[in-house]
Amino acid sequence: MPYYFIAQIKIHDEEDYQKYIERAGSVFSKYNGEYLAVDDKPSVLEGIWDYTRTVIIRFNSKIDFELWYNSEEYREIRKYRLNAARCDTILVKGLETTPP
């Protein structure tokens, strides 16, 4: 069952955030993470959106997510993201789909 890591990010230090971006892709893929969306200007349909970026990453399972999120490699770069931006993140369980 897939799991989705969703991040709403308000970047205040582009230079430090770039240090995170430079290494993030290789770490995600190592743990079966796949970027589904990265959008700096989404269309706001309802409510107030005061972020500078939204990111959606798909993992094949909750175990893959936990291995990634708790890995030493990710802890090493996560500090750049957290220092450079306000980040509101959630983990969402995907729907089980059955073939038609």
N, C-alpha and C. Protein backbone atom coordinates (compact mmCIF):
# COMPACT_ATOMS: atom_id res chain seq x y z
N MET A 1 0.85 -1.17 0.00
CA MET A 1 0.00 0.00 0.00
C MET A 1 0.90 1.24 0.00
N PRO A 2 0.64 2.18 -0.90
CA PRO A 2 1.48 3.38 -0.95
C PRO A 2 1.20 4.34 0.20
N TYR A 3 2.21 5.13 0.52
CA TYR A 3 2.09 6.21 1.50
C TYR A 3 2.64 7.47 0.85
N TYR A 4 2.02 8.59 1.19
CA TYR A 4 2.38 9.86 0.59
C TYR A 4 2.85 10.84 1.65
N PHE A 5 4.05 11.35 1.46
CA PHE A 5 4.62 12.38 2.32
C PHE A 5 4.30 13.71 1.65
N ILE A 6 3.56 14.57 2.35
CA ILE A 6 3.16 15.86 1.79
C ILE A 6 3.76 16.96 2.65
N ALA A 7 4.46 17.87 2.00
CA ALA A 7 5.12 18.96 2.70
C ALA A 7 4.64 20.30 2.16
N GLN A 8 4.24 21.16 3.06
CA GLN A 8 3.95 22.56 2.75
C GLN A 8 5.14 23.33 3.31
N ILE A 9 5.81 24.08 2.47
CA ILE A 9 7.09 24.66 2.85
C ILE A 9 7.10 26.16 2.58
N LYS A 10 7.56 26.93 3.54
CA LYS A 10 7.76 28.37 3.36
C LYS A 10 9.25 28.65 3.54
N ILE A 11 9.93 28.82 2.44
CA ILE A 11 11.38 28.99 2.44
C ILE A 11 11.75 30.42 2.82
N HIS A 12 12.68 30.54 3.77
CA HIS A 12 13.18 31.87 4.14
C HIS A 12 14.70 31.99 3.95
N ASP A 13 15.37 30.88 3.61
CA ASP A 13 16.81 30.91 3.35
C ASP A 13 17.09 30.01 2.14
N GLU A 14 17.06 30.61 0.97
CA GLU A 14 17.23 29.85 -0.28
C GLU A 14 18.57 29.12 -0.35
N GLU A 15 19.62 29.73 0.16
CA GLU A 15 20.95 29.13 0.10
C GLU A 15 21.02 27.82 0.90
N ASP A 16 20.53 27.84 2.13
CA ASP A 16 20.52 26.63 2.94
C ASP A 16 19.55 25.59 2.37
N TYR A 17 18.42 26.05 1.86
CA TYR A 17 17.45 25.12 1.29
C TYR A 17 18.06 24.41 0.08
N GLN A 18 18.87 25.11 -0.69
CA GLN A 18 19.51 24.51 -1.86
C GLN A 18 20.45 23.37 -1.45
N LYS A 19 21.07 23.46 -0.29
CA LYS A 19 21.92 22.37 0.21
C LYS A 19 21.09 21.10 0.40
N TYR A 20 19.86 21.28 0.84
CA TYR A 20 18.94 20.15 1.00
C TYR A 20 18.57 19.57 -0.37
N ILE A 21 18.19 20.44 -1.29
CA ILE A 21 17.73 20.01 -2.62
C ILE A 21 18.82 19.23 -3.36
N GLU A 22 20.05 19.65 -3.22
CA GLU A 22 21.16 19.02 -3.95
C GLU A 22 21.31 17.54 -3.62
N ARG A 23 20.90 17.12 -2.43
CA ARG A 23 21.09 15.72 -2.02
C ARG A 23 19.79 14.95 -1.84
N ALA A 24 18.67 15.64 -1.82
CA ALA A 24 17.39 14.99 -1.50
C ALA A 24 16.99 13.90 -2.48
N GLY A 25 17.11 14.14 -3.77
CA GLY A 25 16.66 13.17 -4.78
C GLY A 25 17.33 11.81 -4.65
N SER A 26 18.61 11.79 -4.45
CA SER A 26 19.31 10.51 -4.36
C SER A 26 18.92 9.75 -3.09
N VAL A 27 18.63 10.49 -2.02
CA VAL A 27 18.22 9.83 -0.77
C VAL A 27 16.81 9.26 -0.92
N PHE A 28 15.89 10.01 -1.53
CA PHE A 28 14.51 9.51 -1.73
C PHE A 28 14.52 8.24 -2.55
N SER A 29 15.24 8.25 -3.66
CA SER A 29 15.21 7.09 -4.55
C SER A 29 15.82 5.85 -3.89
N LYS A 30 16.79 6.03 -3.02
CA LYS A 30 17.40 4.90 -2.32
C LYS A 30 16.38 4.15 -1.47
N TYR A 31 15.37 4.88 -0.98
CA TYR A 31 14.34 4.28 -0.14
C TYR A 31 13.00 4.17 -0.86
N ASN A 32 13.06 4.04 -2.18
CA ASN A 32 11.87 3.86 -3.02
C ASN A 32 10.92 5.04 -2.97
N GLY A 33 11.44 6.23 -2.73
CA GLY A 33 10.63 7.43 -2.78
C GLY A 33 10.59 7.97 -4.20
N GLU A 34 9.44 8.52 -4.56
CA GLU A 34 9.28 9.07 -5.91
C GLU A 34 8.57 10.42 -5.80
N TYR A 35 9.19 11.45 -6.34
CA TYR A 35 8.53 12.75 -6.38
C TYR A 35 7.32 12.65 -7.29
N LEU A 36 6.16 13.04 -6.80
CA LEU A 36 4.96 13.11 -7.64
C LEU A 36 4.65 14.55 -8.02
N ALA A 37 4.97 15.48 -7.13
CA ALA A 37 4.72 16.89 -7.42
C ALA A 37 5.65 17.77 -6.60
N VAL A 38 6.13 18.82 -7.26
CA VAL A 38 6.85 19.90 -6.59
C VAL A 38 6.33 21.16 -7.27
N ASP A 39 5.63 21.99 -6.51
CA ASP A 39 4.99 23.16 -7.12
C ASP A 39 5.22 24.39 -6.26
N ASP A 40 5.78 25.42 -6.90
CA ASP A 40 6.03 26.67 -6.19
C ASP A 40 4.87 27.67 -6.33
N LYS A 41 3.91 27.37 -7.20
CA LYS A 41 2.78 28.28 -7.40
C LYS A 41 1.50 27.50 -7.67
N PRO A 42 1.04 26.72 -6.71
CA PRO A 42 -0.20 25.99 -6.95
C PRO A 42 -1.40 26.94 -6.98
N SER A 43 -2.48 26.49 -7.58
CA SER A 43 -3.71 27.27 -7.61
C SER A 43 -4.43 27.08 -6.28
N VAL A 44 -4.63 28.15 -5.56
CA VAL A 44 -5.33 28.08 -4.28
C VAL A 44 -6.83 28.14 -4.57
N LEU A 45 -7.53 27.09 -4.19
CA LEU A 45 -8.96 27.00 -4.45
C LEU A 45 -9.79 27.44 -3.25
N GLU A 46 -9.31 27.15 -2.06
CA GLU A 46 -10.01 27.52 -0.83
C GLU A 46 -8.99 27.82 0.25
N GLY A 47 -9.34 28.71 1.15
CA GLY A 47 -8.49 28.98 2.29
C GLY A 47 -7.31 29.88 1.96
N ILE A 48 -6.36 29.90 2.88
CA ILE A 48 -5.17 30.74 2.76
C ILE A 48 -3.96 29.83 2.62
N TRP A 49 -3.15 30.10 1.65
CA TRP A 49 -1.94 29.32 1.40
C TRP A 49 -0.78 30.29 1.43
N ASP A 50 0.05 30.24 2.47
CA ASP A 50 1.16 31.20 2.57
C ASP A 50 2.52 30.52 2.46
N TYR A 51 2.57 29.44 1.71
CA TYR A 51 3.82 28.69 1.54
C TYR A 51 4.49 29.09 0.23
N THR A 52 5.75 28.71 0.09
CA THR A 52 6.47 28.96 -1.16
C THR A 52 6.64 27.69 -1.98
N ARG A 53 6.27 26.54 -1.41
CA ARG A 53 6.43 25.27 -2.14
C ARG A 53 5.56 24.20 -1.51
N THR A 54 5.02 23.33 -2.36
CA THR A 54 4.34 22.11 -1.92
C THR A 54 5.02 20.93 -2.60
N VAL A 55 5.26 19.87 -1.83
CA VAL A 55 5.93 18.68 -2.34
C VAL A 55 5.11 17.45 -1.96
N ILE A 56 4.94 16.54 -2.92
CA ILE A 56 4.29 15.25 -2.65
C ILE A 56 5.25 14.15 -3.10
N ILE A 57 5.55 13.25 -2.17
CA ILE A 57 6.46 12.13 -2.46
C ILE A 57 5.73 10.83 -2.15
N ARG A 58 5.81 9.89 -3.05
CA ARG A 58 5.17 8.58 -2.88
C ARG A 58 6.20 7.56 -2.44
N PHE A 59 5.83 6.77 -1.44
CA PHE A 59 6.64 5.62 -1.02
C PHE A 59 5.80 4.37 -1.22
N ASN A 60 6.45 3.27 -1.54
CA ASN A 60 5.73 2.02 -1.80
C ASN A 60 5.04 1.46 -0.57
N SER A 61 5.57 1.79 0.61
CA SER A 61 5.00 1.26 1.85
C SER A 61 5.37 2.18 3.01
N LYS A 62 4.72 1.97 4.13
CA LYS A 62 5.04 2.75 5.33
C LYS A 62 6.45 2.40 5.81
N ILE A 63 6.84 1.16 5.62
CA ILE A 63 8.20 0.74 6.00
C ILE A 63 9.24 1.51 5.20
N ASP A 64 9.02 1.64 3.87
CA ASP A 64 9.95 2.42 3.05
C ASP A 64 10.03 3.86 3.55
N PHE A 65 8.87 4.45 3.85
CA PHE A 65 8.85 5.81 4.38
C PHE A 65 9.67 5.89 5.67
N GLU A 66 9.39 5.00 6.61
CA GLU A 66 10.07 5.06 7.91
C GLU A 66 11.57 4.84 7.78
N LEU A 67 11.97 3.92 6.90
CA LEU A 67 13.40 3.71 6.68
C LEU A 67 14.06 4.97 6.14
N TRP A 68 13.37 5.65 5.21
CA TRP A 68 13.89 6.91 4.65
C TRP A 68 13.93 8.00 5.72
N TYR A 69 12.81 8.26 6.35
CA TYR A 69 12.69 9.39 7.27
C TYR A 69 13.63 9.26 8.47
N ASN A 70 13.87 8.04 8.90
CA ASN A 70 14.73 7.81 10.06
C ASN A 70 16.17 7.46 9.70
N SER A 71 16.48 7.46 8.41
CA SER A 71 17.83 7.08 7.99
C SER A 71 18.84 8.17 8.34
N GLU A 72 20.05 7.74 8.51
CA GLU A 72 21.14 8.68 8.78
C GLU A 72 21.32 9.65 7.62
N GLU A 73 21.18 9.12 6.38
CA GLU A 73 21.35 9.98 5.20
C GLU A 73 20.33 11.11 5.20
N TYR A 74 19.10 10.80 5.55
CA TYR A 74 18.07 11.84 5.52
C TYR A 74 18.23 12.79 6.71
N ARG A 75 18.57 12.28 7.85
CA ARG A 75 18.79 13.17 9.01
C ARG A 75 19.89 14.19 8.70
N GLU A 76 20.89 13.75 7.96
CA GLU A 76 22.00 14.65 7.60
C GLU A 76 21.53 15.84 6.78
N ILE A 77 20.58 15.62 5.87
CA ILE A 77 20.14 16.73 5.01
C ILE A 77 18.87 17.41 5.53
N ARG A 78 18.07 16.71 6.31
CA ARG A 78 16.83 17.30 6.83
C ARG A 78 17.11 18.58 7.61
N LYS A 79 18.24 18.64 8.29
CA LYS A 79 18.58 19.83 9.07
C LYS A 79 18.63 21.08 8.20
N TYR A 80 19.06 20.94 6.94
CA TYR A 80 19.09 22.10 6.05
C TYR A 80 17.68 22.58 5.74
N ARG A 81 16.78 21.64 5.47
CA ARG A 81 15.39 22.01 5.18
C ARG A 81 14.75 22.70 6.38
N LEU A 82 14.93 22.12 7.55
CA LEU A 82 14.29 22.67 8.75
C LEU A 82 14.89 24.01 9.17
N ASN A 83 16.17 24.22 8.90
CA ASN A 83 16.80 25.51 9.21
C ASN A 83 16.42 26.59 8.20
N ALA A 84 16.13 26.17 6.97
CA ALA A 84 15.90 27.11 5.88
C ALA A 84 14.44 27.45 5.64
N ALA A 85 13.53 26.71 6.30
CA ALA A 85 12.12 26.89 5.96
C ALA A 85 11.22 26.47 7.11
N ARG A 86 10.01 27.02 7.09
CA ARG A 86 8.94 26.50 7.95
C ARG A 86 8.31 25.37 7.17
N CYS A 87 8.24 24.20 7.78
CA CYS A 87 7.76 23.02 7.08
C CYS A 87 6.62 22.37 7.87
N ASP A 88 5.48 22.25 7.22
CA ASP A 88 4.35 21.52 7.78
C ASP A 88 4.20 20.26 6.94
N THR A 89 4.39 19.09 7.56
CA THR A 89 4.40 17.85 6.80
C THR A 89 3.41 16.85 7.40
N ILE A 90 2.88 16.01 6.51
CA ILE A 90 1.99 14.93 6.93
C ILE A 90 2.32 13.68 6.14
N LEU A 91 1.92 12.54 6.68
CA LEU A 91 2.02 11.26 5.99
C LEU A 91 0.60 10.76 5.79
N VAL A 92 0.26 10.43 4.54
CA VAL A 92 -1.08 10.01 4.18
C VAL A 92 -1.03 8.59 3.62
N LYS A 93 -1.89 7.73 4.16
CA LYS A 93 -1.98 6.36 3.66
C LYS A 93 -2.78 6.35 2.36
N GLY A 94 -2.22 5.73 1.34
CA GLY A 94 -2.91 5.64 0.05
C GLY A 94 -3.98 4.58 0.06
N LEU A 95 -4.81 4.62 -0.96
CA LEU A 95 -5.88 3.62 -1.10
C LEU A 95 -5.32 2.34 -1.69
N GLU A 96 -5.85 1.23 -1.23
CA GLU A 96 -5.51 -0.04 -1.84
C GLU A 96 -6.33 -0.15 -3.11
N THR A 97 -5.67 -0.45 -4.19
CA THR A 97 -6.39 -0.58 -5.44
C THR A 97 -6.33 -2.01 -5.92
N THR A 98 -7.40 -2.45 -6.49
CA THR A 98 -7.45 -3.80 -7.06
C THR A 98 -7.62 -3.66 -8.56
N PRO A 99 -6.94 -4.49 -9.31
CA PRO A 99 -7.04 -4.41 -10.78
C PRO A 99 -8.49 -4.72 -11.22
N PRO A 100 -8.92 -4.06 -12.29
CA PRO A 100 -10.29 -4.30 -12.79
C PRO A 100 -10.50 -5.70 -13.31
